C-alpha atoms as a PDB file:
ATOM      1  CA  MET A   1      19.195  36.865  -4.660  1.00  0.00           C
ATOM      2  CA  SER A   2      20.034  34.958  -7.853  1.00  0.00           C
ATOM      3  CA  GLU A   3      17.288  33.777 -10.199  1.00  0.00           C
ATOM      4  CA  GLU A   4      19.724  30.991 -11.350  1.00  0.00           C
ATOM      5  CA  PRO A   5      18.785  27.504 -10.486  1.00  0.00           C
ATOM      6  CA  ILE A   6      21.054  25.854  -7.952  1.00  0.00           C
ATOM      7  CA  VAL A   7      23.263  23.461  -9.557  1.00  0.00           C
ATOM      8  CA  GLY A   8      25.877  20.970  -7.579  1.00  0.00           C
ATOM      9  CA  PRO A   9      25.950  19.500  -4.300  1.00  0.00           C
ATOM     10  CA  ASN A  10      24.661  22.134  -2.239  1.00  0.00           C
ATOM     11  CA  ARG A  11      21.009  22.150  -3.472  1.00  0.00           C
ATOM     12  CA  GLY A  12      19.377  21.345   0.028  1.00  0.00           C
ATOM     13  CA  ASN A  13      16.486  19.133  -0.256  1.00  0.00           C
ATOM     14  CA  ALA A  14      15.757  19.661  -3.759  1.00  0.00           C
ATOM     15  CA  GLY A  15      14.675  16.297  -5.548  1.00  0.00           C
ATOM     16  CA  LYS A  16      14.390  14.472  -2.458  1.00  0.00           C
ATOM     17  CA  GLY A  17      10.883  13.898  -2.202  1.00  0.00           C
ATOM     18  CA  ARG A  18       8.943  12.431   0.490  1.00  0.00           C
ATOM     19  CA  PRO A  19      10.625   9.873   2.569  1.00  0.00           C
ATOM     20  CA  LYS A  20      10.559   6.429   1.710  1.00  0.00           C
ATOM     21  CA  GLY A  21       7.189   4.808   3.625  1.00  0.00           C
ATOM     22  CA  SER A  22       5.450   8.098   4.372  1.00  0.00           C
ATOM     23  CA  GLN A  23       2.403   9.011   3.401  1.00  0.00           C
ATOM     24  CA  ASN A  24       0.755  11.485   0.816  1.00  0.00           C
ATOM     25  CA  LYS A  25      -1.161  14.082   2.657  1.00  0.00           C
ATOM     26  CA  ALA A  26      -4.356  13.511   0.563  1.00  0.00           C
ATOM     27  CA  SER A  27      -4.259   9.971   1.319  1.00  0.00           C
ATOM     28  CA  ARG A  28      -3.804  10.243   4.836  1.00  0.00           C
ATOM     29  CA  GLU A  29      -6.788  13.008   5.087  1.00  0.00           C
ATOM     30  CA  ALA A  30      -8.930  10.583   2.659  1.00  0.00           C
ATOM     31  CA  LYS A  31      -8.328   7.516   5.268  1.00  0.00           C
ATOM     32  CA  HIS A  32      -9.159   9.994   8.213  1.00  0.00           C
ATOM     33  CA  ALA A  33     -12.816  10.934   6.511  1.00  0.00           C
ATOM     34  CA  ILE A  34     -13.444   7.295   5.998  1.00  0.00           C
ATOM     35  CA  ALA A  35     -12.648   6.117   9.250  1.00  0.00           C
ATOM     36  CA  LEU A  36     -14.791   9.043  10.718  1.00  0.00           C
ATOM     37  CA  ALA A  37     -17.824   7.902   8.222  1.00  0.00           C
ATOM     38  CA  ALA A  38     -17.858   4.516   9.427  1.00  0.00           C
ATOM     39  CA  ASP A  39     -17.416   5.493  12.939  1.00  0.00           C
ATOM     40  CA  LYS A  40     -20.788   7.576  12.324  1.00  0.00           C
ATOM     41  CA  LEU A  41     -22.325   4.787  10.566  1.00  0.00           C
ATOM     42  CA  GLY A  42     -21.979   2.003  13.227  1.00  0.00           C
ATOM     43  CA  GLY A  43     -18.323   1.411  13.100  1.00  0.00           C
ATOM     44  CA  ALA A  44     -17.007  -2.373  13.882  1.00  0.00           C
ATOM     45  CA  ASP A  45     -20.561  -3.419  15.362  1.00  0.00           C
ATOM     46  CA  ARG A  46     -22.398  -2.411  12.422  1.00  0.00           C
ATOM     47  CA  LEU A  47     -19.807  -3.986   9.935  1.00  0.00           C
ATOM     48  CA  VAL A  48     -20.020  -7.323  11.804  1.00  0.00           C
ATOM     49  CA  ALA A  49     -23.958  -6.847  11.489  1.00  0.00           C
ATOM     50  CA  TRP A  50     -23.451  -6.341   7.731  1.00  0.00           C
ATOM     51  CA  ALA A  51     -21.144  -9.014   7.149  1.00  0.00           C
ATOM     52  CA  LYS A  52     -23.561 -11.391   8.754  1.00  0.00           C
ATOM     53  CA  GLU A  53     -26.511 -10.099   6.667  1.00  0.00           C
ATOM     54  CA  SER A  54     -25.707 -12.316   3.804  1.00  0.00           C
ATOM     55  CA  GLU A  55     -23.301 -14.860   2.938  1.00  0.00           C
ATOM     56  CA  LYS A  56     -22.344 -12.593  -0.202  1.00  0.00           C
ATOM     57  CA  ASN A  57     -21.723  -9.592   2.390  1.00  0.00           C
ATOM     58  CA  GLU A  58     -19.454 -11.995   4.391  1.00  0.00           C
ATOM     59  CA  ALA A  59     -17.473 -13.164   1.166  1.00  0.00           C
ATOM     60  CA  SER A  60     -17.289  -9.379   0.252  1.00  0.00           C
ATOM     61  CA  PHE A  61     -15.662  -8.882   3.505  1.00  0.00           C
ATOM     62  CA  TRP A  62     -13.191 -11.470   3.555  1.00  0.00           C
ATOM     63  CA  THR A  63     -12.029 -10.522  -0.201  1.00  0.00           C
ATOM     64  CA  THR A  64     -12.368  -7.462  -0.362  1.00  0.00           C
ATOM     65  CA  ILE A  65     -12.191  -5.442   2.827  1.00  0.00           C
ATOM     66  CA  TYR A  66     -10.055  -7.684   5.351  1.00  0.00           C
ATOM     67  CA  PRO A  67      -7.236  -7.984   2.650  1.00  0.00           C
ATOM     68  CA  LYS A  68      -6.725  -4.286   2.784  1.00  0.00           C
ATOM     69  CA  LEU A  69      -5.251  -4.478   6.368  1.00  0.00           C
ATOM     70  CA  ILE A  70      -2.383  -7.093   4.985  1.00  0.00           C
ATOM     71  CA  ALA A  71       0.948  -5.310   3.865  1.00  0.00           C
ATOM     72  CA  VAL A  72       1.280  -5.387   0.352  1.00  0.00           C
ATOM     73  CA  SER A  73       5.207  -4.867   0.155  1.00  0.00           C
ATOM     74  CA  ILE A  74       6.586  -8.095  -0.464  1.00  0.00           C
ATOM     75  CA  GLU A  75      10.607  -8.120  -0.775  1.00  0.00           C
ATOM     76  CA  GLY A  76      12.574 -10.577  -2.862  1.00  0.00           C
ATOM     77  CA  ALA A  77      15.763 -12.279  -2.122  1.00  0.00           C
ATOM     78  CA  GLY A  78      17.492  -9.744  -4.339  1.00  0.00           C
ATOM     79  CA  LYS A  79      20.310  -7.517  -2.862  1.00  0.00           C
ATOM     80  CA  ASP A  80      17.572  -4.520  -3.074  1.00  0.00           C
ATOM     81  CA  GLY A  81      14.696  -6.642  -2.681  1.00  0.00           C
ATOM     82  CA  GLU A  82      14.178  -7.396  -6.186  1.00  0.00           C
ATOM     83  CA  HIS A  83      12.619 -10.962  -6.944  1.00  0.00           C
ATOM     84  CA  LEU A  84      14.920 -13.535  -8.162  1.00  0.00           C
ATOM     85  CA  HIS A  85      14.251 -15.921 -11.144  1.00  0.00           C
ATOM     86  CA  GLU A  86      15.963 -18.716 -12.325  1.00  0.00           C
ATOM     87  CA  VAL A  87      15.123 -20.520 -15.576  1.00  0.00           C
ATOM     88  CA  ALA A  88      16.881 -23.831 -15.933  1.00  0.00           C
ATOM     89  CA  TRP A  89      16.714 -26.320 -19.130  1.00  0.00           C
ATOM     90  CA  ARG A  90      16.997 -30.084 -18.549  1.00  0.00           C
ATOM     91  CA  VAL A  91      17.634 -32.567 -21.412  1.00  0.00           C
ATOM     92  CA  VAL A  92      16.048 -35.628 -20.800  1.00  0.00           C
ATOM     93  CA  ARG A  93      16.826 -38.521 -23.293  1.00  0.00           C
ATOM     94  CA  ALA A  94      14.275 -41.623 -23.163  1.00  0.00           C
END
């Protein structure tokens, strides 16, 4: 077998990386560990009780915890999902 790197169209899966949208293995394992810990700490019922303990806790829930559930991917109107911006100048004579 040759020790030379494969160059050209027959490179197999080299350089393709993870498929778009797939999750990093470390991130997936970390999320699983956090979910397990949350369950052992009382789960949803405990989270609700914590949020109701003070206005500060409830504000933290709505501003820090809950938004993490909302998808962050926002596509623009461009052909590849990029955001388009238009700058226009208008001369107004009094």
